Amino acid sequence: MNFKIYFARKIALVFLFLYFSILSSEIQDYSLPEALKVLKAIERIESEPSRADKKTLKEMVITESEFNSYVAYRIEKEKSETLKELRFKFFKRNKIEGKFFIDLKGHKATKFLKPRMTLYFGGRLEVKNGQARFNMKDLFLEGQRIQVRIIDLVLYIQAKIENREVSSIKDWYEIPFGIKDIKIHRGKAVFYY
């Protein structure tokens, strides 16, 4: 491998790790008013009649901070046994980076996974035909690049612990009722309904 490319990749990994270390040192609490704003937006979209014509679609902008507050609120309210934190950073052209913290301590986890893990990820949101998925391209376990398919193992273990249906990182999911499209921009998500 070319030394310059190798060195550039190592520097990029260090900066990515430092960036997310700073992000993770931010206050982990969420803003209840921001979370409630998102909940009210969801209720408004669900209550309005569906629009078939793309020219008449309305748009709703949710900031990155509001979205992260909503996610933290949901994690707290649903009392997830394993997912303790999930944060997103929005970039242009549907690019998303983030981190999540999984706590498997006290559960029968495989010998391949640590009981407590902070994972950093990057990829793009894809939306088509009323469904969405996150096309994950990068995954790091506390600064070490790992295979994206490890997420399926984590999802499998989490589903078994929480007695839910097993899913895959490659699955497509129905987007919430009334939403026709989602576009991610720097610092915000735009929902078309």
N, C-alpha and C. Protein backbone atom coordinates (compact mmCIF):
# COMPACT_ATOMS: atom_id res chain seq x y z
N MET A 1 0.85 -1.18 0.00
CA MET A 1 0.00 0.00 0.00
C MET A 1 0.89 1.24 0.00
N ASN A 2 0.48 2.25 -0.71
CA ASN A 2 1.19 3.50 -0.77
C ASN A 2 1.22 4.11 0.64
N PHE A 3 2.42 4.52 1.09
CA PHE A 3 2.58 5.05 2.44
C PHE A 3 1.74 6.30 2.65
N LYS A 4 1.64 7.18 1.65
CA LYS A 4 0.86 8.41 1.78
C LYS A 4 -0.62 8.10 2.00
N ILE A 5 -1.15 7.13 1.26
CA ILE A 5 -2.56 6.75 1.42
C ILE A 5 -2.77 6.14 2.79
N TYR A 6 -1.86 5.25 3.21
CA TYR A 6 -1.94 4.62 4.53
C TYR A 6 -1.92 5.68 5.63
N PHE A 7 -1.00 6.62 5.54
CA PHE A 7 -0.86 7.68 6.54
C PHE A 7 -2.11 8.57 6.55
N ALA A 8 -2.63 8.92 5.38
CA ALA A 8 -3.84 9.75 5.30
C ALA A 8 -5.03 9.06 5.94
N ARG A 9 -5.16 7.75 5.72
CA ARG A 9 -6.26 6.99 6.33
C ARG A 9 -6.13 6.98 7.85
N LYS A 10 -4.91 6.79 8.35
CA LYS A 10 -4.70 6.77 9.80
C LYS A 10 -5.04 8.12 10.42
N ILE A 11 -4.63 9.20 9.75
CA ILE A 11 -4.96 10.54 10.26
C ILE A 11 -6.46 10.75 10.24
N ALA A 12 -7.13 10.33 9.18
CA ALA A 12 -8.59 10.46 9.10
C ALA A 12 -9.27 9.70 10.23
N LEU A 13 -8.79 8.50 10.54
CA LEU A 13 -9.36 7.72 11.64
C LEU A 13 -9.16 8.41 12.98
N VAL A 14 -7.99 9.00 13.18
CA VAL A 14 -7.72 9.71 14.44
C VAL A 14 -8.66 10.90 14.57
N PHE A 15 -8.84 11.68 13.48
CA PHE A 15 -9.74 12.83 13.54
C PHE A 15 -11.19 12.40 13.76
N LEU A 16 -11.60 11.31 13.12
CA LEU A 16 -12.95 10.80 13.32
C LEU A 16 -13.15 10.39 14.77
N PHE A 17 -12.18 9.70 15.33
CA PHE A 17 -12.28 9.28 16.72
C PHE A 17 -12.33 10.49 17.65
N LEU A 18 -11.47 11.49 17.41
CA LEU A 18 -11.47 12.70 18.25
C LEU A 18 -12.79 13.45 18.12
N TYR A 19 -13.30 13.56 16.90
CA TYR A 19 -14.58 14.24 16.66
C TYR A 19 -15.69 13.60 17.48
N PHE A 20 -15.79 12.27 17.43
CA PHE A 20 -16.85 11.60 18.16
C PHE A 20 -16.57 11.55 19.65
N SER A 21 -15.31 11.62 20.07
CA SER A 21 -15.02 11.71 21.50
C SER A 21 -15.54 13.03 22.05
N ILE A 22 -15.36 14.10 21.26
CA ILE A 22 -15.90 15.40 21.65
C ILE A 22 -17.42 15.34 21.67
N LEU A 23 -18.01 14.74 20.64
CA LEU A 23 -19.46 14.61 20.57
C LEU A 23 -19.98 13.83 21.78
N SER A 24 -19.28 12.77 22.16
CA SER A 24 -19.76 11.95 23.28
C SER A 24 -19.55 12.63 24.62
N SER A 25 -18.67 13.62 24.68
CA SER A 25 -18.46 14.31 25.95
C SER A 25 -19.50 15.41 26.16
N GLU A 26 -20.31 15.69 25.13
CA GLU A 26 -21.39 16.66 25.28
C GLU A 26 -22.39 16.13 26.30
N ILE A 27 -23.21 17.01 26.80
CA ILE A 27 -24.24 16.61 27.76
C ILE A 27 -25.13 15.56 27.12
N GLN A 28 -25.31 14.43 27.80
CA GLN A 28 -26.08 13.33 27.25
C GLN A 28 -27.58 13.50 27.46
N ASP A 29 -27.95 14.48 28.25
CA ASP A 29 -29.37 14.74 28.45
C ASP A 29 -29.96 15.25 27.15
N TYR A 30 -31.27 15.27 27.11
CA TYR A 30 -31.92 15.79 25.94
C TYR A 30 -32.83 16.94 26.34
N SER A 31 -33.25 17.69 25.36
CA SER A 31 -34.17 18.79 25.59
C SER A 31 -35.59 18.26 25.44
N LEU A 32 -36.35 18.25 26.52
CA LEU A 32 -37.74 17.80 26.46
C LEU A 32 -38.56 18.67 25.51
N PRO A 33 -38.41 20.00 25.53
CA PRO A 33 -39.17 20.80 24.55
C PRO A 33 -38.86 20.43 23.10
N GLU A 34 -37.59 20.12 22.81
CA GLU A 34 -37.24 19.71 21.44
C GLU A 34 -37.87 18.37 21.10
N ALA A 35 -37.82 17.43 22.04
CA ALA A 35 -38.42 16.11 21.81
C ALA A 35 -39.93 16.24 21.60
N LEU A 36 -40.57 17.08 22.39
CA LEU A 36 -42.02 17.27 22.25
C LEU A 36 -42.37 17.96 20.94
N LYS A 37 -41.49 18.83 20.46
CA LYS A 37 -41.72 19.48 19.16
C LYS A 37 -41.78 18.43 18.06
N VAL A 38 -40.87 17.45 18.12
CA VAL A 38 -40.87 16.38 17.12
C VAL A 38 -42.12 15.52 17.25
N LEU A 39 -42.51 15.20 18.48
CA LEU A 39 -43.74 14.41 18.69
C LEU A 39 -44.96 15.14 18.13
N LYS A 40 -45.04 16.45 18.34
CA LYS A 40 -46.16 17.23 17.80
C LYS A 40 -46.12 17.25 16.27
N ALA A 41 -44.92 17.32 15.71
CA ALA A 41 -44.77 17.31 14.24
C ALA A 41 -45.26 15.98 13.68
N ILE A 42 -44.94 14.88 14.36
CA ILE A 42 -45.40 13.56 13.92
C ILE A 42 -46.92 13.49 13.97
N GLU A 43 -47.51 13.98 15.05
CA GLU A 43 -48.97 14.00 15.17
C GLU A 43 -49.61 14.83 14.06
N ARG A 44 -49.02 15.97 13.74
CA ARG A 44 -49.56 16.84 12.69
C ARG A 44 -49.51 16.14 11.33
N ILE A 45 -48.39 15.50 11.03
CA ILE A 45 -48.27 14.79 9.75
C ILE A 45 -49.29 13.67 9.66
N GLU A 46 -49.44 12.91 10.75
CA GLU A 46 -50.38 11.78 10.75
C GLU A 46 -51.83 12.24 10.66
N SER A 47 -52.13 13.44 11.13
CA SER A 47 -53.52 13.91 11.13
C SER A 47 -53.94 14.56 9.82
N GLU A 48 -52.98 15.01 9.02
CA GLU A 48 -53.32 15.67 7.76
C GLU A 48 -53.56 14.63 6.67
N PRO A 49 -54.44 14.96 5.73
CA PRO A 49 -54.69 14.01 4.63
C PRO A 49 -53.44 13.80 3.78
N SER A 50 -53.28 12.58 3.30
CA SER A 50 -52.12 12.23 2.48
C SER A 50 -52.21 12.93 1.13
N ARG A 51 -51.07 13.39 0.63
CA ARG A 51 -51.01 14.06 -0.67
C ARG A 51 -50.38 13.11 -1.68
N ALA A 52 -51.05 12.92 -2.78
CA ALA A 52 -50.53 12.02 -3.81
C ALA A 52 -49.61 12.77 -4.77
N ASP A 53 -49.91 14.05 -4.99
CA ASP A 53 -49.17 14.85 -5.95
C ASP A 53 -47.92 15.44 -5.30
N LYS A 54 -46.76 15.14 -5.86
CA LYS A 54 -45.50 15.61 -5.28
C LYS A 54 -45.39 17.13 -5.29
N LYS A 55 -46.11 17.79 -6.21
CA LYS A 55 -46.04 19.25 -6.29
C LYS A 55 -46.73 19.92 -5.12
N THR A 56 -47.64 19.22 -4.46
CA THR A 56 -48.38 19.82 -3.34
C THR A 56 -47.85 19.37 -1.98
N LEU A 57 -46.74 18.67 -1.97
CA LEU A 57 -46.18 18.19 -0.71
C LEU A 57 -45.74 19.36 0.17
N LYS A 58 -45.97 19.21 1.46
CA LYS A 58 -45.46 20.16 2.43
C LYS A 58 -44.15 19.61 2.96
N GLU A 59 -43.38 20.49 3.59
CA GLU A 59 -42.14 20.02 4.19
C GLU A 59 -42.06 20.48 5.64
N MET A 60 -41.42 19.64 6.43
CA MET A 60 -41.20 19.95 7.83
C MET A 60 -39.72 19.76 8.12
N VAL A 61 -39.12 20.77 8.71
CA VAL A 61 -37.69 20.72 9.02
C VAL A 61 -37.52 20.40 10.50
N ILE A 62 -36.71 19.38 10.77
CA ILE A 62 -36.36 18.99 12.13
C ILE A 62 -34.84 19.13 12.24
N THR A 63 -34.39 19.92 13.20
CA THR A 63 -32.95 20.11 13.34
C THR A 63 -32.30 18.85 13.92
N GLU A 64 -31.02 18.77 13.74
CA GLU A 64 -30.25 17.65 14.28
C GLU A 64 -30.43 17.55 15.80
N SER A 65 -30.39 18.68 16.47
CA SER A 65 -30.57 18.70 17.92
C SER A 65 -31.96 18.21 18.32
N GLU A 66 -32.98 18.66 17.61
CA GLU A 66 -34.35 18.21 17.90
C GLU A 66 -34.49 16.71 17.67
N PHE A 67 -33.91 16.23 16.58
CA PHE A 67 -33.99 14.80 16.27
C PHE A 67 -33.28 13.97 17.35
N ASN A 68 -32.09 14.42 17.77
CA ASN A 68 -31.36 13.70 18.80
C ASN A 68 -32.10 13.73 20.14
N SER A 69 -32.76 14.84 20.44
CA SER A 69 -33.57 14.91 21.66
C SER A 69 -34.73 13.93 21.58
N TYR A 70 -35.36 13.84 20.42
CA TYR A 70 -36.46 12.90 20.23
C TYR A 70 -35.98 11.45 20.41
N VAL A 71 -34.85 11.12 19.82
CA VAL A 71 -34.30 9.76 19.94
C VAL A 71 -33.97 9.44 21.40
N ALA A 72 -33.33 10.37 22.10
CA ALA A 72 -33.00 10.16 23.51
C ALA A 72 -34.27 9.99 24.35
N TYR A 73 -35.27 10.79 24.04
CA TYR A 73 -36.56 10.69 24.74
C TYR A 73 -37.17 9.30 24.53
N ARG A 74 -37.16 8.82 23.29
CA ARG A 74 -37.72 7.49 22.99
C ARG A 74 -36.95 6.38 23.70
N ILE A 75 -35.62 6.48 23.72
CA ILE A 75 -34.81 5.46 24.40
C ILE A 75 -35.17 5.43 25.89
N GLU A 76 -35.31 6.61 26.48
CA GLU A 76 -35.66 6.67 27.90
C GLU A 76 -37.06 6.13 28.16
N LYS A 77 -38.02 6.54 27.34
CA LYS A 77 -39.41 6.13 27.56
C LYS A 77 -39.62 4.65 27.30
N GLU A 78 -38.94 4.10 26.31
CA GLU A 78 -39.10 2.68 25.98
C GLU A 78 -38.26 1.78 26.87
N LYS A 79 -37.41 2.39 27.69
CA LYS A 79 -36.58 1.65 28.65
C LYS A 79 -35.85 0.48 28.00
N SER A 80 -35.13 0.79 26.93
CA SER A 80 -34.36 -0.23 26.23
C SER A 80 -33.37 -0.89 27.18
N GLU A 81 -33.33 -2.20 27.14
CA GLU A 81 -32.41 -2.92 28.02
C GLU A 81 -30.97 -2.86 27.53
N THR A 82 -30.77 -2.65 26.24
CA THR A 82 -29.42 -2.70 25.70
C THR A 82 -28.96 -1.39 25.06
N LEU A 83 -29.82 -0.73 24.31
CA LEU A 83 -29.45 0.53 23.65
C LEU A 83 -29.58 1.66 24.66
N LYS A 84 -28.47 2.25 25.02
CA LYS A 84 -28.47 3.29 26.04
C LYS A 84 -28.30 4.69 25.45
N GLU A 85 -27.73 4.78 24.27
CA GLU A 85 -27.54 6.08 23.64
C GLU A 85 -27.44 5.90 22.13
N LEU A 86 -28.02 6.85 21.41
CA LEU A 86 -27.94 6.89 19.95
C LEU A 86 -27.96 8.35 19.54
N ARG A 87 -26.92 8.80 18.89
CA ARG A 87 -26.81 10.21 18.47
C ARG A 87 -26.44 10.26 17.00
N PHE A 88 -26.96 11.29 16.33
CA PHE A 88 -26.74 11.46 14.90
C PHE A 88 -26.11 12.81 14.60
N LYS A 89 -25.33 12.84 13.53
CA LYS A 89 -24.78 14.07 12.97
C LYS A 89 -25.18 14.07 11.50
N PHE A 90 -25.90 15.12 11.07
CA PHE A 90 -26.42 15.19 9.70
C PHE A 90 -25.49 16.00 8.80
N PHE A 91 -25.28 15.50 7.60
CA PHE A 91 -24.47 16.17 6.59
C PHE A 91 -25.27 16.25 5.29
N LYS A 92 -24.75 16.97 4.32
CA LYS A 92 -25.48 17.12 3.06
C LYS A 92 -25.54 15.81 2.29
N ARG A 93 -26.49 15.74 1.35
CA ARG A 93 -26.71 14.59 0.46
C ARG A 93 -26.99 13.29 1.22
N ASN A 94 -27.83 13.40 2.25
CA ASN A 94 -28.31 12.24 3.01
C ASN A 94 -27.22 11.50 3.78
N LYS A 95 -26.08 12.13 3.98
CA LYS A 95 -25.00 11.49 4.74
C LYS A 95 -25.26 11.68 6.23
N ILE A 96 -25.08 10.59 6.97
CA ILE A 96 -25.28 10.60 8.41
C ILE A 96 -24.11 9.90 9.09
N GLU A 97 -23.63 10.50 10.17
CA GLU A 97 -22.66 9.85 11.03
C GLU A 97 -23.24 9.85 12.43
N GLY A 98 -22.74 8.99 13.27
CA GLY A 98 -23.26 8.97 14.63
C GLY A 98 -22.56 7.98 15.50
N LYS A 99 -23.15 7.79 16.67
CA LYS A 99 -22.61 6.83 17.61
C LYS A 99 -23.75 6.22 18.40
N PHE A 100 -23.52 5.02 18.87
CA PHE A 100 -24.47 4.42 19.79
C PHE A 100 -23.72 3.62 20.84
N PHE A 101 -24.36 3.55 22.01
CA PHE A 101 -23.77 2.86 23.14
C PHE A 101 -24.68 1.69 23.48
N ILE A 102 -24.09 0.49 23.48
CA ILE A 102 -24.82 -0.75 23.78
C ILE A 102 -24.30 -1.29 25.11
N ASP A 103 -25.22 -1.67 25.99
CA ASP A 103 -24.85 -2.25 27.27
C ASP A 103 -25.44 -3.66 27.35
N LEU A 104 -24.59 -4.65 27.19
CA LEU A 104 -25.00 -6.06 27.27
C LEU A 104 -24.65 -6.67 28.62
N LYS A 105 -24.15 -5.84 29.52
CA LYS A 105 -23.73 -6.33 30.84
C LYS A 105 -24.92 -6.97 31.56
N GLY A 106 -24.68 -8.14 32.09
CA GLY A 106 -25.73 -8.86 32.79
C GLY A 106 -26.58 -9.73 31.89
N HIS A 107 -26.30 -9.70 30.59
CA HIS A 107 -27.02 -10.54 29.64
C HIS A 107 -26.05 -11.56 29.05
N LYS A 108 -26.61 -12.63 28.55
CA LYS A 108 -25.78 -13.65 27.91
C LYS A 108 -25.36 -13.16 26.53
N ALA A 109 -24.22 -12.52 26.47
CA ALA A 109 -23.69 -12.04 25.19
C ALA A 109 -22.66 -13.05 24.70
N THR A 110 -22.41 -13.02 23.42
CA THR A 110 -21.43 -13.96 22.88
C THR A 110 -20.04 -13.58 23.35
N LYS A 111 -19.14 -14.51 23.25
CA LYS A 111 -17.77 -14.25 23.68
C LYS A 111 -17.04 -13.32 22.71
N PHE A 112 -17.68 -12.99 21.59
CA PHE A 112 -17.06 -12.12 20.59
C PHE A 112 -17.33 -10.64 20.86
N LEU A 113 -18.25 -10.33 21.77
CA LEU A 113 -18.62 -8.95 22.01
C LEU A 113 -18.29 -8.53 23.44
N LYS A 114 -17.87 -7.28 23.56
CA LYS A 114 -17.65 -6.72 24.89
C LYS A 114 -19.01 -6.44 25.52
N PRO A 115 -19.11 -6.47 26.83
CA PRO A 115 -20.41 -6.22 27.46
C PRO A 115 -20.89 -4.77 27.28
N ARG A 116 -19.97 -3.83 27.16
CA ARG A 116 -20.35 -2.43 26.95
C ARG A 116 -19.53 -1.91 25.77
N MET A 117 -20.25 -1.38 24.77
CA MET A 117 -19.56 -0.96 23.54
C MET A 117 -20.08 0.39 23.05
N THR A 118 -19.16 1.23 22.65
CA THR A 118 -19.50 2.47 21.95
C THR A 118 -19.08 2.27 20.50
N LEU A 119 -20.05 2.37 19.61
CA LEU A 119 -19.79 2.18 18.18
C LEU A 119 -20.07 3.49 17.44
N TYR A 120 -19.21 3.79 16.49
CA TYR A 120 -19.34 4.98 15.66
C TYR A 120 -19.62 4.51 14.24
N PHE A 121 -20.49 5.21 13.53
CA PHE A 121 -20.89 4.75 12.21
C PHE A 121 -21.03 5.91 11.23
N GLY A 122 -21.06 5.56 9.96
CA GLY A 122 -21.27 6.54 8.91
C GLY A 122 -21.90 5.86 7.71
N GLY A 123 -22.72 6.59 6.99
CA GLY A 123 -23.37 6.05 5.80
C GLY A 123 -24.38 7.03 5.24
N ARG A 124 -25.29 6.52 4.43
CA ARG A 124 -26.31 7.37 3.79
C ARG A 124 -27.71 6.81 4.00
N LEU A 125 -28.65 7.72 4.16
CA LEU A 125 -30.06 7.35 4.22
C LEU A 125 -30.57 7.18 2.80
N GLU A 126 -31.25 6.06 2.55
CA GLU A 126 -31.86 5.81 1.25
C GLU A 126 -33.37 5.71 1.46
N VAL A 127 -34.14 6.37 0.58
CA VAL A 127 -35.60 6.35 0.67
C VAL A 127 -36.15 6.03 -0.71
N LYS A 128 -37.09 5.04 -0.75
CA LYS A 128 -37.78 4.77 -2.00
C LYS A 128 -39.04 3.96 -1.72
N ASN A 129 -40.08 4.24 -2.48
CA ASN A 129 -41.34 3.51 -2.39
C ASN A 129 -41.89 3.41 -0.97
N GLY A 130 -41.84 4.51 -0.22
CA GLY A 130 -42.41 4.51 1.12
C GLY A 130 -41.58 3.77 2.16
N GLN A 131 -40.36 3.42 1.80
CA GLN A 131 -39.48 2.72 2.73
C GLN A 131 -38.13 3.42 2.81
N ALA A 132 -37.42 3.17 3.91
CA ALA A 132 -36.10 3.77 4.10
C ALA A 132 -35.17 2.75 4.73
N ARG A 133 -33.90 2.95 4.48
CA ARG A 133 -32.87 2.16 5.15
C ARG A 133 -31.62 3.01 5.26
N PHE A 134 -30.78 2.62 6.21
CA PHE A 134 -29.51 3.30 6.39
C PHE A 134 -28.44 2.42 5.78
N ASN A 135 -27.81 2.89 4.73
CA ASN A 135 -26.75 2.15 4.05
C ASN A 135 -25.43 2.47 4.75
N MET A 136 -25.08 1.64 5.73
CA MET A 136 -23.89 1.88 6.54
C MET A 136 -22.64 1.52 5.76
N LYS A 137 -21.71 2.46 5.74
CA LYS A 137 -20.44 2.25 5.03
C LYS A 137 -19.27 2.07 5.97
N ASP A 138 -19.31 2.77 7.11
CA ASP A 138 -18.20 2.74 8.06
C ASP A 138 -18.70 2.37 9.43
N LEU A 139 -17.90 1.58 10.15
CA LEU A 139 -18.24 1.20 11.52
C LEU A 139 -16.94 1.08 12.31
N PHE A 140 -16.95 1.70 13.49
CA PHE A 140 -15.78 1.68 14.36
C PHE A 140 -16.22 1.28 15.75
N LEU A 141 -15.46 0.41 16.37
CA LEU A 141 -15.68 0.04 17.76
C LEU A 141 -14.58 0.74 18.55
N GLU A 142 -14.97 1.84 19.21
CA GLU A 142 -14.05 2.63 20.03
C GLU A 142 -12.73 2.91 19.31
N GLY A 143 -12.84 3.39 18.07
CA GLY A 143 -11.67 3.80 17.31
C GLY A 143 -11.10 2.75 16.38
N GLN A 144 -11.51 1.51 16.49
CA GLN A 144 -11.01 0.42 15.65
C GLN A 144 -12.04 0.11 14.57
N ARG A 145 -11.62 0.19 13.30
CA ARG A 145 -12.54 -0.15 12.21
C ARG A 145 -12.91 -1.62 12.30
N ILE A 146 -14.22 -1.89 12.16
CA ILE A 146 -14.70 -3.27 12.16
C ILE A 146 -15.66 -3.47 10.99
N GLN A 147 -15.98 -4.72 10.70
CA GLN A 147 -16.88 -5.05 9.60
C GLN A 147 -18.31 -4.60 9.94
N VAL A 148 -18.99 -4.03 8.97
CA VAL A 148 -20.36 -3.55 9.15
C VAL A 148 -21.29 -4.71 9.52
N ARG A 149 -21.00 -5.89 9.03
CA ARG A 149 -21.89 -7.03 9.32
C ARG A 149 -21.93 -7.38 10.81
N ILE A 150 -21.01 -6.85 11.61
CA ILE A 150 -21.05 -7.05 13.06
C ILE A 150 -22.35 -6.47 13.63
N ILE A 151 -22.88 -5.43 12.98
CA ILE A 151 -24.13 -4.81 13.45
C ILE A 151 -25.25 -5.84 13.47
N ASP A 152 -25.29 -6.73 12.48
CA ASP A 152 -26.34 -7.75 12.47
C ASP A 152 -26.24 -8.65 13.70
N LEU A 153 -25.02 -8.95 14.14
CA LEU A 153 -24.85 -9.75 15.35
C LEU A 153 -25.37 -8.99 16.57
N VAL A 154 -25.03 -7.70 16.65
CA VAL A 154 -25.51 -6.87 17.76
C VAL A 154 -27.03 -6.79 17.73
N LEU A 155 -27.62 -6.58 16.54
CA LEU A 155 -29.08 -6.52 16.42
C LEU A 155 -29.73 -7.84 16.82
N TYR A 156 -29.10 -8.94 16.45
CA TYR A 156 -29.62 -10.26 16.81
C TYR A 156 -29.65 -10.44 18.33
N ILE A 157 -28.53 -10.11 18.97
CA ILE A 157 -28.44 -10.26 20.42
C ILE A 157 -29.45 -9.33 21.11
N GLN A 158 -29.52 -8.08 20.64
CA GLN A 158 -30.46 -7.13 21.23
C GLN A 158 -31.90 -7.61 21.07
N ALA A 159 -32.26 -8.14 19.92
CA ALA A 159 -33.62 -8.64 19.69
C ALA A 159 -33.94 -9.80 20.61
N LYS A 160 -32.98 -10.69 20.80
CA LYS A 160 -33.20 -11.84 21.69
C LYS A 160 -33.37 -11.39 23.14
N ILE A 161 -32.56 -10.43 23.57
CA ILE A 161 -32.67 -9.92 24.94
C ILE A 161 -34.01 -9.23 25.16
N GLU A 162 -34.43 -8.42 24.17
CA GLU A 162 -35.65 -7.64 24.32
C GLU A 162 -36.88 -8.36 23.77
N ASN A 163 -36.70 -9.62 23.39
CA ASN A 163 -37.81 -10.45 22.92
C ASN A 163 -38.55 -9.83 21.74
N ARG A 164 -37.77 -9.37 20.75
CA ARG A 164 -38.33 -8.74 19.55
C ARG A 164 -37.92 -9.54 18.33
N GLU A 165 -38.53 -9.19 17.21
CA GLU A 165 -38.18 -9.82 15.94
C GLU A 165 -36.77 -9.40 15.53
N VAL A 166 -36.00 -10.32 15.02
CA VAL A 166 -34.63 -10.05 14.59
C VAL A 166 -34.66 -9.27 13.28
N SER A 167 -33.80 -8.25 13.20
CA SER A 167 -33.72 -7.45 11.98
C SER A 167 -32.26 -7.38 11.52
N SER A 168 -32.06 -6.79 10.35
CA SER A 168 -30.73 -6.67 9.77
C SER A 168 -30.47 -5.21 9.41
N ILE A 169 -29.22 -4.83 9.39
CA ILE A 169 -28.86 -3.48 8.99
C ILE A 169 -29.25 -3.22 7.54
N LYS A 170 -29.41 -4.27 6.75
CA LYS A 170 -29.75 -4.11 5.33
C LYS A 170 -31.25 -4.03 5.07
N ASP A 171 -32.06 -4.21 6.12
CA ASP A 171 -33.52 -4.20 5.96
C ASP A 171 -34.04 -2.82 5.57
N TRP A 172 -35.12 -2.84 4.79
CA TRP A 172 -35.87 -1.63 4.48
C TRP A 172 -37.02 -1.55 5.47
N TYR A 173 -37.33 -0.35 5.95
CA TYR A 173 -38.39 -0.16 6.92
C TYR A 173 -39.41 0.84 6.39
N GLU A 174 -40.67 0.60 6.71
CA GLU A 174 -41.73 1.54 6.33
C GLU A 174 -41.46 2.87 7.03
N ILE A 175 -41.54 3.96 6.26
CA ILE A 175 -41.40 5.26 6.90
C ILE A 175 -42.75 5.63 7.52
N PRO A 176 -42.76 6.49 8.52
CA PRO A 176 -44.01 6.81 9.21
C PRO A 176 -45.12 7.25 8.26
N PHE A 177 -46.34 6.93 8.64
CA PHE A 177 -47.52 7.22 7.83
C PHE A 177 -47.55 8.70 7.45
N GLY A 178 -47.82 8.95 6.18
CA GLY A 178 -47.95 10.32 5.69
C GLY A 178 -46.68 10.90 5.12
N ILE A 179 -45.52 10.40 5.51
CA ILE A 179 -44.26 10.94 5.01
C ILE A 179 -43.95 10.30 3.66
N LYS A 180 -43.67 11.14 2.68
CA LYS A 180 -43.40 10.66 1.32
C LYS A 180 -41.90 10.58 1.01
N ASP A 181 -41.11 11.45 1.63
CA ASP A 181 -39.68 11.46 1.36
C ASP A 181 -38.96 12.13 2.53
N ILE A 182 -37.67 11.82 2.65
CA ILE A 182 -36.82 12.42 3.69
C ILE A 182 -35.51 12.80 3.03
N LYS A 183 -35.06 14.01 3.28
CA LYS A 183 -33.76 14.47 2.78
C LYS A 183 -32.94 14.97 3.96
N ILE A 184 -31.71 14.53 4.02
CA ILE A 184 -30.80 14.95 5.08
C ILE A 184 -29.88 16.03 4.52
N HIS A 185 -29.76 17.12 5.25
CA HIS A 185 -28.86 18.23 4.91
C HIS A 185 -27.98 18.49 6.13
N ARG A 186 -27.02 19.36 5.98
CA ARG A 186 -26.14 19.68 7.10
C ARG A 186 -26.97 20.24 8.26
N GLY A 187 -26.97 19.51 9.38
CA GLY A 187 -27.62 19.98 10.59
C GLY A 187 -29.13 19.86 10.65
N LYS A 188 -29.74 19.26 9.61
CA LYS A 188 -31.21 19.15 9.64
C LYS A 188 -31.70 18.02 8.74
N ALA A 189 -32.93 17.60 9.03
CA ALA A 189 -33.62 16.61 8.19
C ALA A 189 -34.91 17.27 7.71
N VAL A 190 -35.25 17.07 6.44
CA VAL A 190 -36.47 17.63 5.88
C VAL A 190 -37.39 16.47 5.54
N PHE A 191 -38.58 16.50 6.11
CA PHE A 191 -39.59 15.47 5.88
C PHE A 191 -40.65 16.05 4.96
N TYR A 192 -40.93 15.35 3.86
CA TYR A 192 -41.94 15.78 2.90
C TYR A 192 -43.19 14.95 3.11
N TYR A 193 -44.34 15.63 3.24
CA TYR A 193 -45.59 14.93 3.51
C TYR A 193 -46.75 15.57 2.75
